Protein backbone atom coordinates (compact mmCIF):
# COMPACT_ATOMS: atom_id res chain seq x y z
CA UNK A 1 112.80 90.31 161.69
CA UNK A 2 109.03 90.34 161.75
CA UNK A 3 106.96 87.65 160.10
CA UNK A 4 105.82 90.07 157.38
CA UNK A 5 109.42 90.76 156.42
CA UNK A 6 110.25 87.09 156.01
CA UNK A 7 107.05 86.08 154.18
CA UNK A 8 106.86 89.01 151.76
CA UNK A 9 109.76 87.89 149.54
CA UNK A 10 108.26 84.40 149.33
CA UNK A 11 104.83 85.63 148.19
CA UNK A 12 106.23 87.27 145.03
CA UNK A 13 107.69 85.47 142.08
CA UNK A 14 111.25 86.41 141.36
CA UNK A 15 112.09 88.52 138.32
CA UNK A 16 113.85 85.45 136.88
CA UNK A 17 110.65 83.39 137.24
CA UNK A 18 108.61 86.10 135.51
CA UNK A 19 111.14 86.30 132.65
CA UNK A 20 110.98 82.50 132.33
CA UNK A 21 107.15 82.57 132.19
CA UNK A 22 107.20 85.34 129.59
CA UNK A 23 109.70 83.39 127.48
CA UNK A 24 107.61 80.21 127.76
CA UNK A 25 104.53 82.14 126.58
CA UNK A 26 106.47 83.64 123.67
CA UNK A 27 107.73 80.20 122.66
CA UNK A 28 104.21 78.73 122.86
CA UNK A 29 102.86 81.59 120.71
CA UNK A 30 105.65 81.10 118.15
CA UNK A 31 104.91 77.36 117.99
CA UNK A 32 101.20 78.11 117.50
CA UNK A 33 102.01 80.59 114.71
CA UNK A 34 104.30 78.04 113.03
CA UNK A 35 101.54 75.40 113.12
CA UNK A 36 99.07 77.86 111.60
CA UNK A 37 101.55 78.82 108.86
CA UNK A 38 102.28 75.15 108.15
CA UNK A 39 98.54 74.41 107.85
CA UNK A 40 98.08 77.40 105.52
CA UNK A 41 101.04 76.29 103.40
CA UNK A 42 99.60 72.78 103.22
CA UNK A 43 96.18 74.12 102.18
CA UNK A 44 97.82 76.33 99.55
CA UNK A 45 99.84 73.39 98.20
CA UNK A 46 96.65 71.31 98.01
CA UNK A 47 94.87 74.14 96.17
CA UNK A 48 97.76 74.49 93.70
CA UNK A 49 97.81 70.72 93.15
CA UNK A 50 94.04 70.70 92.64
CA UNK A 51 94.11 73.73 90.31
CA UNK A 52 96.89 72.49 88.03
CA UNK A 53 96.60 68.69 88.21
CA UNK A 54 92.95 67.80 88.68
CA UNK A 55 89.86 68.32 86.57
CA UNK A 56 86.54 69.96 87.32
CA UNK A 57 84.39 67.28 88.87
CA UNK A 58 80.63 66.83 89.18
CA UNK A 59 80.64 68.40 92.65
CA UNK A 60 82.20 71.60 91.26
CA UNK A 61 79.80 71.63 88.30
CA UNK A 62 76.86 71.29 90.71
CA UNK A 63 78.22 74.15 92.83
CA UNK A 64 78.53 76.38 89.74
CA UNK A 65 74.95 75.54 88.77
CA UNK A 66 73.74 76.43 92.30
CA UNK A 67 75.64 79.76 92.19
CA UNK A 68 74.07 80.64 88.84
CA UNK A 69 70.54 79.61 89.91
CA UNK A 70 70.85 81.60 93.16
CA UNK A 71 72.05 84.71 91.31
CA UNK A 72 69.20 84.39 88.79
CA UNK A 73 66.68 83.91 91.62
CA UNK A 74 68.05 87.12 93.17
CA UNK A 75 67.42 89.00 89.92
CA UNK A 76 71.09 89.23 88.97
CA UNK A 77 72.58 88.78 85.51
CA UNK A 78 75.93 87.28 86.52
CA UNK A 79 77.52 84.97 89.05
CA UNK A 80 81.13 84.56 90.07
CA UNK A 81 81.69 80.89 89.37
CA UNK A 82 85.38 80.58 90.23
CA UNK A 83 88.28 82.53 91.70
CA UNK A 84 92.00 81.92 91.82
CA UNK A 85 95.24 83.86 92.36
CA UNK A 86 96.23 86.09 89.44
CA UNK A 87 99.71 84.56 89.73
CA UNK A 88 98.18 81.40 88.21
CA UNK A 89 97.75 83.26 84.90
CA UNK A 90 100.81 82.99 82.69
CA UNK A 91 101.13 86.80 82.73
CA UNK A 92 100.34 87.30 86.42
CA UNK A 93 96.87 88.64 85.57
CA UNK A 94 98.11 91.60 83.52
CA UNK A 95 95.81 91.00 80.52
CA UNK A 96 92.76 90.53 82.75
CA UNK A 97 93.59 93.59 84.85
CA UNK A 98 93.92 95.73 81.71
CA UNK A 99 90.93 94.16 79.89
CA UNK A 100 93.18 93.22 76.98
CA UNK A 101 91.84 91.14 74.11
CA UNK A 102 93.03 87.56 74.33
CA UNK A 103 93.07 87.43 78.16
CA UNK A 104 91.61 83.94 77.78
CA UNK A 105 94.97 82.69 76.46
CA UNK A 106 96.62 83.48 79.83
CA UNK A 107 94.44 81.01 81.74
CA UNK A 108 95.91 77.76 82.99
CA UNK A 109 94.74 74.73 84.97
CA UNK A 110 91.11 74.60 86.06
CA UNK A 111 90.52 78.17 84.85
CA UNK A 112 91.45 77.06 81.32
CA UNK A 113 89.25 74.00 81.72
CA UNK A 114 86.35 76.24 82.82
CA UNK A 115 86.90 78.40 79.74
CA UNK A 116 86.81 75.28 77.55
CA UNK A 117 83.60 74.10 79.24
CA UNK A 118 82.11 77.56 78.79
CA UNK A 119 82.95 77.56 75.06
CA UNK A 120 81.50 74.07 74.69
CA UNK A 121 78.35 74.24 76.83
CA UNK A 122 77.39 77.75 77.94
CA UNK A 123 78.35 80.06 75.08
CA UNK A 124 76.11 78.27 72.56
CA UNK A 125 73.22 78.86 74.99
CA UNK A 126 73.79 82.63 75.04
CA UNK A 127 75.93 82.97 78.17
CA UNK A 128 78.97 85.21 78.42
CA UNK A 129 82.16 84.83 80.44
CA UNK A 130 84.17 87.66 81.88
CA UNK A 131 87.20 87.81 84.14
CA UNK A 132 88.31 90.56 86.45
CA UNK A 133 90.72 91.13 89.29
CA UNK A 134 88.55 91.09 92.41
CA UNK A 135 91.06 92.34 94.99
CA UNK A 136 94.29 94.30 95.16
CA UNK A 137 96.29 93.38 98.27
CA UNK A 138 99.11 95.88 98.72
CA UNK A 139 98.00 97.59 95.51
CA UNK A 140 98.90 94.56 93.40
CA UNK A 141 96.47 92.32 91.49
CA UNK A 142 95.24 89.58 93.82
CA UNK A 143 92.57 87.07 92.88
CA UNK A 144 90.83 86.69 89.54
CA UNK A 145 87.10 86.12 89.48
CA UNK A 146 85.47 84.32 86.56
CA UNK A 147 81.88 85.45 86.04
CA UNK A 148 79.21 83.68 84.02
CA UNK A 149 76.81 86.29 82.59
CA UNK A 150 73.36 86.17 81.01
CA UNK A 151 72.70 89.86 80.50
CA UNK A 152 70.10 90.74 77.86
CA UNK A 153 71.63 91.87 74.58
CA UNK A 154 72.04 95.63 74.12
CA UNK A 155 69.78 96.91 71.35
């Protein structure tokens, strides 16, 4: 045997070694995906907890005020002040999606609290509030956007 014949097999990884490397990479990718999914699930659980169990705080009120002031400075007559999954409405967003009267009664959690704050503070100052489905993943209602409006009255 020549030296090239004996060294050639040793310079290549065996098929078994390549399969093992591929499997290790697949396992690492699966573990990474699981960690990402776990983080997303944790974030979602925190959002649900916040939406249904906590109240609108000063930080959120300040953010809403900044959104409104920015929209007004840009010459707009509305600002989206909050969004949440349509599944958080007690009808899955059906009334909002179909612009049915009484859609306000379907709101829960912080969305209901925002409606109450609107009725108390903003409506008496001439503001309006509207809700609409802002995306349709897979053709189904996704998130609801709540918009504070200050459009001039129609004459």
